[in-house]
PDB file of N, CA and C in Angstrom:
ATOM      1  N   MET A   1     141.574 145.568  60.674  1.00  0.00           N
ATOM      2  CA  MET A   1     140.228 145.521  59.947  1.00  0.00           C
ATOM      3  C   MET A   1     139.058 144.756  61.049  1.00  0.00           C
ATOM      4  N   LYS A   2     137.720 145.507  60.568  1.00  0.00           N
ATOM      5  CA  LYS A   2     136.919 145.492  61.631  1.00  0.00           C
ATOM      6  C   LYS A   2     135.965 144.438  61.472  1.00  0.00           C
ATOM      7  N   ALA A   3     135.415 143.207  62.116  1.00  0.00           N
ATOM      8  CA  ALA A   3     134.909 141.937  61.900  1.00  0.00           C
ATOM      9  C   ALA A   3     133.627 141.588  63.059  1.00  0.00           C
ATOM     10  N   PHE A   4     132.348 140.808  62.773  1.00  0.00           N
ATOM     11  CA  PHE A   4     131.666 140.534  63.704  1.00  0.00           C
ATOM     12  C   PHE A   4     132.820 139.180  64.623  1.00  0.00           C
ATOM     13  N   VAL A   5     133.076 139.378  65.793  1.00  0.00           N
ATOM     14  CA  VAL A   5     133.449 138.229  66.073  1.00  0.00           C
ATOM     15  C   VAL A   5     132.674 137.416  67.558  1.00  0.00           C
ATOM     16  N   VAL A   6     133.041 136.281  67.602  1.00  0.00           N
ATOM     17  CA  VAL A   6     132.425 135.444  68.807  1.00  0.00           C
ATOM     18  C   VAL A   6     133.273 134.784  69.755  1.00  0.00           C
ATOM     19  N   ASP A   7     132.959 135.443  70.955  1.00  0.00           N
ATOM     20  CA  ASP A   7     134.514 135.080  71.907  1.00  0.00           C
ATOM     21  C   ASP A   7     133.985 133.530  72.606  1.00  0.00           C
ATOM     22  N   LYS A   8     132.884 132.596  72.365  1.00  0.00           N
ATOM     23  CA  LYS A   8     132.753 131.468  72.788  1.00  0.00           C
ATOM     24  C   LYS A   8     131.389 131.078  72.154  1.00  0.00           C
ATOM     25  N   TYR A   9     131.390 129.637  71.844  1.00  0.00           N
ATOM     26  CA  TYR A   9     130.309 129.045  71.726  1.00  0.00           C
ATOM     27  C   TYR A   9     128.697 129.356  72.301  1.00  0.00           C
ATOM     28  N   ASN A  10     128.001 129.584  71.454  1.00  0.00           N
ATOM     29  CA  ASN A  10     126.682 130.003  72.776  1.00  0.00           C
ATOM     30  C   ASN A  10     125.284 130.480  71.797  1.00  0.00           C
ATOM     31  N   LYS A  11     124.187 129.972  71.997  1.00  0.00           N
ATOM     32  CA  LYS A  11     123.336 130.154  71.138  1.00  0.00           C
ATOM     33  C   LYS A  11     122.623 131.540  71.765  1.00  0.00           C
ATOM     34  N   LYS A  12     122.891 132.313  72.667  1.00  0.00           N
ATOM     35  CA  LYS A  12     122.268 133.766  72.990  1.00  0.00           C
ATOM     36  C   LYS A  12     123.889 134.052  73.112  1.00  0.00           C
ATOM     37  N   GLY A  13     124.973 134.167  72.580  1.00  0.00           N
ATOM     38  CA  GLY A  13     125.912 134.994  72.743  1.00  0.00           C
ATOM     39  C   GLY A  13     125.631 136.194  71.800  1.00  0.00           C
ATOM     40  N   ILE A  14     126.694 137.261  72.407  1.00  0.00           N
ATOM     41  CA  ILE A  14     126.715 138.459  71.653  1.00  0.00           C
ATOM     42  C   ILE A  14     127.271 138.379  70.580  1.00  0.00           C
ATOM     43  N   LEU A  15     127.039 138.880  69.320  1.00  0.00           N
ATOM     44  CA  LEU A  15     127.923 139.410  68.568  1.00  0.00           C
ATOM     45  C   LEU A  15     128.529 140.556  68.157  1.00  0.00           C
ATOM     46  N   ARG A  16     129.907 140.942  68.501  1.00  0.00           N
ATOM     47  CA  ARG A  16     130.552 142.191  68.725  1.00  0.00           C
ATOM     48  C   ARG A  16     131.295 142.500  67.523  1.00  0.00           C
ATOM     49  N   LEU A  17     131.048 143.797  67.297  1.00  0.00           N
ATOM     50  CA  LEU A  17     132.113 144.465  65.956  1.00  0.00           C
ATOM     51  C   LEU A  17     133.828 144.716  67.115  1.00  0.00           C
ATOM     52  N   ALA A  18     134.574 143.989  66.265  1.00  0.00           N
ATOM     53  CA  ALA A  18     135.909 144.148  66.743  1.00  0.00           C
ATOM     54  C   ALA A  18     137.123 144.599  65.901  1.00  0.00           C
ATOM     55  N   GLU A  19     137.962 144.968  65.898  1.00  0.00           N
ATOM     56  CA  GLU A  19     139.305 145.392  65.789  1.00  0.00           C
ATOM     57  C   GLU A  19     140.109 144.151  65.170  1.00  0.00           C
ATOM     58  N   MET A  20     140.404 143.513  64.177  1.00  0.00           N
ATOM     59  CA  MET A  20     141.077 142.456  64.403  1.00  0.00           C
ATOM     60  C   MET A  20     142.396 142.470  63.613  1.00  0.00           C
ATOM     61  N   PRO A  21     143.640 141.624  63.864  1.00  0.00           N
ATOM     62  CA  PRO A  21     144.939 142.201  62.849  1.00  0.00           C
ATOM     63  C   PRO A  21     144.663 141.185  61.516  1.00  0.00           C
ATOM     64  N   GLU A  22     145.241 141.877  60.523  1.00  0.00           N
ATOM     65  CA  GLU A  22     145.298 141.749  59.008  1.00  0.00           C
ATOM     66  C   GLU A  22     146.044 140.039  59.299  1.00  0.00           C
ATOM     67  N   PRO A  23     145.369 139.199  58.758  1.00  0.00           N
ATOM     68  CA  PRO A  23     145.587 137.850  58.629  1.00  0.00           C
ATOM     69  C   PRO A  23     146.659 137.553  57.714  1.00  0.00           C
ATOM     70  N   VAL A  24     147.916 136.602  58.233  1.00  0.00           N
ATOM     71  CA  VAL A  24     148.834 135.771  57.549  1.00  0.00           C
ATOM     72  C   VAL A  24     148.380 135.204  56.678  1.00  0.00           C
ATOM     73  N   LEU A  25     148.675 135.150  55.134  1.00  0.00           N
ATOM     74  CA  LEU A  25     148.430 134.923  54.332  1.00  0.00           C
ATOM     75  C   LEU A  25     149.791 133.418  54.014  1.00  0.00           C
ATOM     76  N   GLY A  26     149.001 132.330  53.358  1.00  0.00           N
ATOM     77  CA  GLY A  26     149.514 131.383  53.236  1.00  0.00           C
ATOM     78  C   GLY A  26     149.929 131.273  51.628  1.00  0.00           C
ATOM     79  N   ASP A  27     150.995 130.474  50.771  1.00  0.00           N
ATOM     80  CA  ASP A  27     151.017 129.738  49.356  1.00  0.00           C
ATOM     81  C   ASP A  27     149.495 130.036  48.662  1.00  0.00           C
ATOM     82  N   ASN A  28     148.624 129.467  49.464  1.00  0.00           N
ATOM     83  CA  ASN A  28     147.160 129.509  48.306  1.00  0.00           C
ATOM     84  C   ASN A  28     146.280 130.310  48.883  1.00  0.00           C
ATOM     85  N   ASP A  29     146.233 131.461  49.724  1.00  0.00           N
ATOM     86  CA  ASP A  29     145.549 132.359  50.173  1.00  0.00           C
ATOM     87  C   ASP A  29     145.358 133.737  49.366  1.00  0.00           C
ATOM     88  N   VAL A  30     144.401 134.264  49.563  1.00  0.00           N
ATOM     89  CA  VAL A  30     144.219 135.429  49.378  1.00  0.00           C
ATOM     90  C   VAL A  30     143.545 136.681  49.973  1.00  0.00           C
ATOM     91  N   LEU A  31     143.753 137.571  50.089  1.00  0.00           N
ATOM     92  CA  LEU A  31     143.220 138.694  50.892  1.00  0.00           C
ATOM     93  C   LEU A  31     142.124 139.412  50.035  1.00  0.00           C
ATOM     94  N   VAL A  32     141.139 139.709  50.606  1.00  0.00           N
ATOM     95  CA  VAL A  32     139.726 140.387  50.311  1.00  0.00           C
ATOM     96  C   VAL A  32     139.545 141.469  50.701  1.00  0.00           C
ATOM     97  N   GLU A  33     139.317 142.923  49.787  1.00  0.00           N
ATOM     98  CA  GLU A  33     138.845 143.715  50.613  1.00  0.00           C
ATOM     99  C   GLU A  33     137.549 143.738  50.787  1.00  0.00           C
ATOM    100  N   VAL A  34     136.563 143.270  51.957  1.00  0.00           N
ATOM    101  CA  VAL A  34     135.290 143.295  51.795  1.00  0.00           C
ATOM    102  C   VAL A  34     134.395 144.290  51.442  1.00  0.00           C
ATOM    103  N   HIS A  35     133.539 144.475  50.888  1.00  0.00           N
ATOM    104  CA  HIS A  35     132.886 145.293  50.298  1.00  0.00           C
ATOM    105  C   HIS A  35     131.488 144.954  51.172  1.00  0.00           C
ATOM    106  N   ALA A  36     131.500 143.705  51.363  1.00  0.00           N
ATOM    107  CA  ALA A  36     129.669 143.494  52.100  1.00  0.00           C
ATOM    108  C   ALA A  36     129.727 141.966  52.184  1.00  0.00           C
ATOM    109  N   ALA A  37     129.002 141.846  53.400  1.00  0.00           N
ATOM    110  CA  ALA A  37     129.138 140.355  54.191  1.00  0.00           C
ATOM    111  C   ALA A  37     127.583 140.586  54.990  1.00  0.00           C
ATOM    112  N   ALA A  38     127.557 138.724  54.991  1.00  0.00           N
ATOM    113  CA  ALA A  38     126.319 138.436  55.422  1.00  0.00           C
ATOM    114  C   ALA A  38     126.492 137.460  56.431  1.00  0.00           C
ATOM    115  N   VAL A  39     125.574 137.332  57.495  1.00  0.00           N
ATOM    116  CA  VAL A  39     125.850 136.094  58.289  1.00  0.00           C
ATOM    117  C   VAL A  39     124.604 135.789  57.763  1.00  0.00           C
ATOM    118  N   ASN A  40     125.081 134.429  57.690  1.00  0.00           N
ATOM    119  CA  ASN A  40     124.090 132.820  57.037  1.00  0.00           C
ATOM    120  C   ASN A  40     123.587 131.911  58.214  1.00  0.00           C
ATOM    121  N   LEU A  41     123.238 130.926  57.739  1.00  0.00           N
ATOM    122  CA  LEU A  41     122.628 129.814  58.694  1.00  0.00           C
ATOM    123  C   LEU A  41     123.785 129.151  58.936  1.00  0.00           C
ATOM    124  N   LEU A  42     125.080 128.996  58.125  1.00  0.00           N
ATOM    125  CA  LEU A  42     125.987 128.375  58.465  1.00  0.00           C
ATOM    126  C   LEU A  42     126.770 128.800  59.770  1.00  0.00           C
ATOM    127  N   ASP A  43     126.949 130.328  59.566  1.00  0.00           N
ATOM    128  CA  ASP A  43     127.478 131.019  60.599  1.00  0.00           C
ATOM    129  C   ASP A  43     126.455 130.918  62.249  1.00  0.00           C
ATOM    130  N   SER A  44     125.493 130.789  61.948  1.00  0.00           N
ATOM    131  CA  SER A  44     124.529 130.661  63.403  1.00  0.00           C
ATOM    132  C   SER A  44     124.920 129.435  64.003  1.00  0.00           C
ATOM    133  N   LYS A  45     124.822 127.958  62.881  1.00  0.00           N
ATOM    134  CA  LYS A  45     125.424 126.806  63.089  1.00  0.00           C
ATOM    135  C   LYS A  45     126.952 126.846  63.910  1.00  0.00           C
ATOM    136  N   VAL A  46     127.502 127.352  63.338  1.00  0.00           N
ATOM    137  CA  VAL A  46     129.023 127.560  63.828  1.00  0.00           C
ATOM    138  C   VAL A  46     128.682 128.181  65.039  1.00  0.00           C
ATOM    139  N   ARG A  47     128.449 129.609  65.217  1.00  0.00           N
ATOM    140  CA  ARG A  47     128.503 130.268  66.443  1.00  0.00           C
ATOM    141  C   ARG A  47     127.588 129.499  67.672  1.00  0.00           C
ATOM    142  N   THR A  48     126.838 128.050  67.511  1.00  0.00           N
ATOM    143  CA  THR A  48     126.206 127.453  68.548  1.00  0.00           C
ATOM    144  C   THR A  48     127.112 126.562  68.965  1.00  0.00           C
ATOM    145  N   GLY A  49     128.135 125.993  67.878  1.00  0.00           N
ATOM    146  CA  GLY A  49     128.980 125.112  68.050  1.00  0.00           C
ATOM    147  C   GLY A  49     128.761 123.428  67.533  1.00  0.00           C
ATOM    148  N   GLU A  50     127.689 123.714  66.722  1.00  0.00           N
ATOM    149  CA  GLU A  50     126.746 122.811  66.053  1.00  0.00           C
ATOM    150  C   GLU A  50     128.364 121.864  65.095  1.00  0.00           C
ATOM    151  N   PHE A  51     128.956 123.019  64.836  1.00  0.00           N
ATOM    152  CA  PHE A  51     130.128 122.041  63.491  1.00  0.00           C
ATOM    153  C   PHE A  51     131.097 122.114  64.349  1.00  0.00           C
ATOM    154  N   LYS A  52     131.659 122.109  65.838  1.00  0.00           N
ATOM    155  CA  LYS A  52     133.380 122.494  66.356  1.00  0.00           C
ATOM    156  C   LYS A  52     133.826 121.143  66.318  1.00  0.00           C
ATOM    157  N   LEU A  53     133.517 119.856  66.270  1.00  0.00           N
ATOM    158  CA  LEU A  53     133.939 118.659  65.909  1.00  0.00           C
ATOM    159  C   LEU A  53     134.552 118.723  64.375  1.00  0.00           C
ATOM    160  N   ILE A  54     133.918 119.286  63.694  1.00  0.00           N
ATOM    161  CA  ILE A  54     134.299 118.851  62.100  1.00  0.00           C
ATOM    162  C   ILE A  54     135.149 120.366  61.869  1.00  0.00           C
ATOM    163  N   LEU A  55     134.678 121.620  62.181  1.00  0.00           N
ATOM    164  CA  LEU A  55     135.108 122.870  61.871  1.00  0.00           C
ATOM    165  C   LEU A  55     135.410 123.501  63.279  1.00  0.00           C
ATOM    166  N   PRO A  56     136.561 123.398  63.742  1.00  0.00           N
ATOM    167  CA  PRO A  56     137.199 123.668  65.073  1.00  0.00           C
ATOM    168  C   PRO A  56     137.743 125.010  64.634  1.00  0.00           C
ATOM    169  N   TYR A  57     136.916 126.291  65.290  1.00  0.00           N
ATOM    170  CA  TYR A  57     137.779 127.808  65.320  1.00  0.00           C
ATOM    171  C   TYR A  57     138.358 128.333  66.723  1.00  0.00           C
ATOM    172  N   ARG A  58     139.493 128.743  66.373  1.00  0.00           N
ATOM    173  CA  ARG A  58     139.846 129.359  67.885  1.00  0.00           C
ATOM    174  C   ARG A  58     139.229 130.607  67.585  1.00  0.00           C
ATOM    175  N   ARG A  59     138.892 130.971  69.337  1.00  0.00           N
ATOM    176  CA  ARG A  59     138.259 132.106  69.794  1.00  0.00           C
ATOM    177  C   ARG A  59     139.237 133.127  69.674  1.00  0.00           C
ATOM    178  N   PRO A  60     138.574 134.597  69.568  1.00  0.00           N
ATOM    179  CA  PRO A  60     137.507 134.772  69.078  1.00  0.00           C
ATOM    180  C   PRO A  60     137.681 134.532  67.760  1.00  0.00           C
ATOM    181  N   PHE A  61     136.483 133.786  67.071  1.00  0.00           N
ATOM    182  CA  PHE A  61     136.351 133.926  65.709  1.00  0.00           C
ATOM    183  C   PHE A  61     135.377 134.440  65.103  1.00  0.00           C
ATOM    184  N   ILE A  62     135.617 134.964  64.054  1.00  0.00           N
ATOM    185  CA  ILE A  62     134.844 135.519  62.625  1.00  0.00           C
ATOM    186  C   ILE A  62     133.670 134.938  61.988  1.00  0.00           C
ATOM    187  N   LEU A  63     132.319 135.792  61.992  1.00  0.00           N
ATOM    188  CA  LEU A  63     131.367 135.147  61.454  1.00  0.00           C
ATOM    189  C   LEU A  63     131.415 135.807  60.162  1.00  0.00           C
ATOM    190  N   GLY A  64     130.453 135.618  58.987  1.00  0.00           N
ATOM    191  CA  GLY A  64     130.262 136.079  58.161  1.00  0.00           C
ATOM    192  C   GLY A  64     131.075 135.360  56.485  1.00  0.00           C
ATOM    193  N   HIS A  65     131.230 134.425  56.165  1.00  0.00           N
ATOM    194  CA  HIS A  65     131.258 133.406  55.500  1.00  0.00           C
ATOM    195  C   HIS A  65     131.036 133.999  53.787  1.00  0.00           C
ATOM    196  N   ASP A  66     130.056 134.512  53.435  1.00  0.00           N
ATOM    197  CA  ASP A  66     129.435 135.275  52.520  1.00  0.00           C
ATOM    198  C   ASP A  66     129.779 136.765  52.235  1.00  0.00           C
ATOM    199  N   VAL A  67     130.826 136.480  51.383  1.00  0.00           N
ATOM    200  CA  VAL A  67     131.035 138.168  51.491  1.00  0.00           C
ATOM    201  C   VAL A  67     131.210 138.603  49.863  1.00  0.00           C
ATOM    202  N   ALA A  68     131.322 139.859  49.654  1.00  0.00           N
ATOM    203  CA  ALA A  68     131.993 140.170  48.257  1.00  0.00           C
ATOM    204  C   ALA A  68     132.544 141.253  47.970  1.00  0.00           C
ATOM    205  N   GLY A  69     133.436 141.643  47.053  1.00  0.00           N
ATOM    206  CA  GLY A  69     134.602 142.502  47.812  1.00  0.00           C
ATOM    207  C   GLY A  69     136.019 142.444  46.358  1.00  0.00           C
ATOM    208  N   ARG A  70     136.885 142.929  46.791  1.00  0.00           N
ATOM    209  CA  ARG A  70     137.735 142.796  46.107  1.00  0.00           C
ATOM    210  C   ARG A  70     139.300 142.229  46.464  1.00  0.00           C
ATOM    211  N   VAL A  71     139.928 141.252  45.255  1.00  0.00           N
ATOM    212  CA  VAL A  71     140.833 140.295  45.514  1.00  0.00           C
ATOM    213  C   VAL A  71     142.104 141.708  46.095  1.00  0.00           C
ATOM    214  N   VAL A  72     143.078 141.964  46.927  1.00  0.00           N
ATOM    215  CA  VAL A  72     143.968 142.891  46.871  1.00  0.00           C
ATOM    216  C   VAL A  72     145.384 142.257  46.838  1.00  0.00           C
ATOM    217  N   ARG A  73     145.164 140.755  47.672  1.00  0.00           N
ATOM    218  CA  ARG A  73     146.652 140.160  47.149  1.00  0.00           C
ATOM    219  C   ARG A  73     146.472 138.606  47.217  1.00  0.00           C
TER     220      ARG A  73
END
């Protein structure tokens, strides 16, 4: 799976396209085959670390919370 990832909280950090492993699904999760994604204002605030106290992410973290696609599992 390819995704835009961020390696650290930083306002001027570089987004990079990286190959990521398929996520492990829990009982209440779905896997979506993404056909389109957008990086929005929430993503930019996550990137700068503004939400790291309430939304902790393990690095590298994936941006693009707005997606359209097909549920495959």
